[in-house]
Amino acid sequence: MAMDAATIEQLIKQALPDARVSIEDLRGDGDHYAAHVVSGAFRGKSRVQQHQIVYRALGARMGSELHALALQTSAPED
């Protein structure tokens, strides 16, 4: 079962309430997405740590309902 972009955004925002999230369905199949996430929670964290935060938000859905996610993360610019 595929995931829709709104569900991905909702899960990320539940974990990171301040996040600005944009999601793009790369193939139109609901399985391959690109996400850009900007959150203050990423300040001082490495890129790997930022991605781990997002993957934790998606939980077990990553790799099952959500097959692939190209992820870009950053802290907001002040």
C-alpha atoms as a PDB file:
ATOM      1  CA  MET A   1       0.000   0.000   0.000  1.00  0.00           C
ATOM      2  CA  ALA A   2       1.414   3.378  -1.020  1.00  0.00           C
ATOM      3  CA  MET A   3       1.543   6.505   1.131  1.00  0.00           C
ATOM      4  CA  ASP A   4       0.303   9.903   0.063  1.00  0.00           C
ATOM      5  CA  ALA A   5       2.278  13.124   0.405  1.00  0.00           C
ATOM      6  CA  ALA A   6      -0.141  14.577   2.969  1.00  0.00           C
ATOM      7  CA  THR A   7       0.446  11.641   5.324  1.00  0.00           C
ATOM      8  CA  ILE A   8       4.223  11.999   5.047  1.00  0.00           C
ATOM      9  CA  GLU A   9       3.954  15.712   5.808  1.00  0.00           C
ATOM     10  CA  GLN A  10       1.624  15.073   8.748  1.00  0.00           C
ATOM     11  CA  LEU A  11       3.966  12.498  10.319  1.00  0.00           C
ATOM     12  CA  ILE A  12       6.960  14.802   9.988  1.00  0.00           C
ATOM     13  CA  LYS A  13       5.054  17.759  11.448  1.00  0.00           C
ATOM     14  CA  GLN A  14       3.880  15.660  14.397  1.00  0.00           C
ATOM     15  CA  ALA A  15       7.531  15.038  15.292  1.00  0.00           C
ATOM     16  CA  LEU A  16       8.722  18.527  14.279  1.00  0.00           C
ATOM     17  CA  PRO A  17       5.839  20.978  14.825  1.00  0.00           C
ATOM     18  CA  ASP A  18       7.860  23.969  13.573  1.00  0.00           C
ATOM     19  CA  ALA A  19       8.875  22.219  10.340  1.00  0.00           C
ATOM     20  CA  ARG A  20       8.350  23.608   6.877  1.00  0.00           C
ATOM     21  CA  VAL A  21       7.830  20.546   4.713  1.00  0.00           C
ATOM     22  CA  SER A  22       7.548  20.211   0.957  1.00  0.00           C
ATOM     23  CA  ILE A  23       6.914  16.825  -0.625  1.00  0.00           C
ATOM     24  CA  GLU A  24       7.202  15.842  -4.285  1.00  0.00           C
ATOM     25  CA  ASP A  25       5.965  12.526  -5.718  1.00  0.00           C
ATOM     26  CA  LEU A  26       8.854  11.699  -8.047  1.00  0.00           C
ATOM     27  CA  ARG A  27       7.161   9.021 -10.141  1.00  0.00           C
ATOM     28  CA  GLY A  28       3.470   9.575  -9.517  1.00  0.00           C
ATOM     29  CA  ASP A  29       3.263   6.121  -7.944  1.00  0.00           C
ATOM     30  CA  GLY A  30       3.011   7.065  -4.259  1.00  0.00           C
ATOM     31  CA  ASP A  31       6.179   5.091  -3.498  1.00  0.00           C
ATOM     32  CA  HIS A  32       9.026   7.431  -4.465  1.00  0.00           C
ATOM     33  CA  TYR A  33       9.109  10.876  -2.886  1.00  0.00           C
ATOM     34  CA  ALA A  34      11.476  13.768  -2.368  1.00  0.00           C
ATOM     35  CA  ALA A  35      11.090  15.804   0.818  1.00  0.00           C
ATOM     36  CA  HIS A  36      12.629  19.083   1.904  1.00  0.00           C
ATOM     37  CA  VAL A  37      12.322  19.688   5.647  1.00  0.00           C
ATOM     38  CA  VAL A  38      13.402  22.855   7.455  1.00  0.00           C
ATOM     39  CA  SER A  39      13.253  22.835  11.258  1.00  0.00           C
ATOM     40  CA  GLY A  40      14.881  24.586  14.178  1.00  0.00           C
ATOM     41  CA  ALA A  41      15.356  21.140  15.727  1.00  0.00           C
ATOM     42  CA  PHE A  42      18.137  20.560  13.185  1.00  0.00           C
ATOM     43  CA  ARG A  43      20.350  23.370  14.520  1.00  0.00           C
ATOM     44  CA  GLY A  44      23.733  22.041  15.602  1.00  0.00           C
ATOM     45  CA  LYS A  45      23.019  18.559  14.260  1.00  0.00           C
ATOM     46  CA  SER A  46      24.877  16.786  11.484  1.00  0.00           C
ATOM     47  CA  ARG A  47      23.078  15.946   8.247  1.00  0.00           C
ATOM     48  CA  VAL A  48      22.960  12.290   9.323  1.00  0.00           C
ATOM     49  CA  GLN A  49      21.345  13.234  12.651  1.00  0.00           C
ATOM     50  CA  GLN A  50      18.815  15.450  10.843  1.00  0.00           C
ATOM     51  CA  HIS A  51      17.852  12.600   8.526  1.00  0.00           C
ATOM     52  CA  GLN A  52      17.571  10.188  11.459  1.00  0.00           C
ATOM     53  CA  ILE A  53      15.059  12.529  13.099  1.00  0.00           C
ATOM     54  CA  VAL A  54      12.899  12.492   9.973  1.00  0.00           C
ATOM     55  CA  TYR A  55      13.190   8.711   9.544  1.00  0.00           C
ATOM     56  CA  ARG A  56      12.163   8.216  13.186  1.00  0.00           C
ATOM     57  CA  ALA A  57       9.085  10.361  12.507  1.00  0.00           C
ATOM     58  CA  LEU A  58       8.138   8.049   9.632  1.00  0.00           C
ATOM     59  CA  GLY A  59       8.815   4.945  11.714  1.00  0.00           C
ATOM     60  CA  ALA A  60       8.051   1.510  10.310  1.00  0.00           C
ATOM     61  CA  ARG A  61       6.334   3.053   7.291  1.00  0.00           C
ATOM     62  CA  MET A  62       9.759   3.777   5.828  1.00  0.00           C
ATOM     63  CA  GLY A  63      10.668   0.795   3.680  1.00  0.00           C
ATOM     64  CA  SER A  64       7.158  -0.630   3.671  1.00  0.00           C
ATOM     65  CA  GLU A  65       4.396   1.835   2.766  1.00  0.00           C
ATOM     66  CA  LEU A  66       7.014   4.364   1.713  1.00  0.00           C
ATOM     67  CA  HIS A  67       9.529   2.707  -0.580  1.00  0.00           C
ATOM     68  CA  ALA A  68      11.971   5.561  -1.224  1.00  0.00           C
ATOM     69  CA  LEU A  69      12.494   9.058   0.134  1.00  0.00           C
ATOM     70  CA  ALA A  70      15.095  11.495  -1.189  1.00  0.00           C
ATOM     71  CA  LEU A  71      15.612  13.764   1.777  1.00  0.00           C
ATOM     72  CA  GLN A  72      16.988  17.299   2.116  1.00  0.00           C
ATOM     73  CA  THR A  73      17.077  18.827   5.571  1.00  0.00           C
ATOM     74  CA  SER A  74      18.263  22.126   6.994  1.00  0.00           C
ATOM     75  CA  ALA A  75      17.850  24.512   9.890  1.00  0.00           C
ATOM     76  CA  PRO A  76      16.074  27.795   9.146  1.00  0.00           C
ATOM     77  CA  GLU A  77      18.220  30.760   8.274  1.00  0.00           C
ATOM     78  CA  ASP A  78      17.873  33.600  10.745  1.00  0.00           C
END
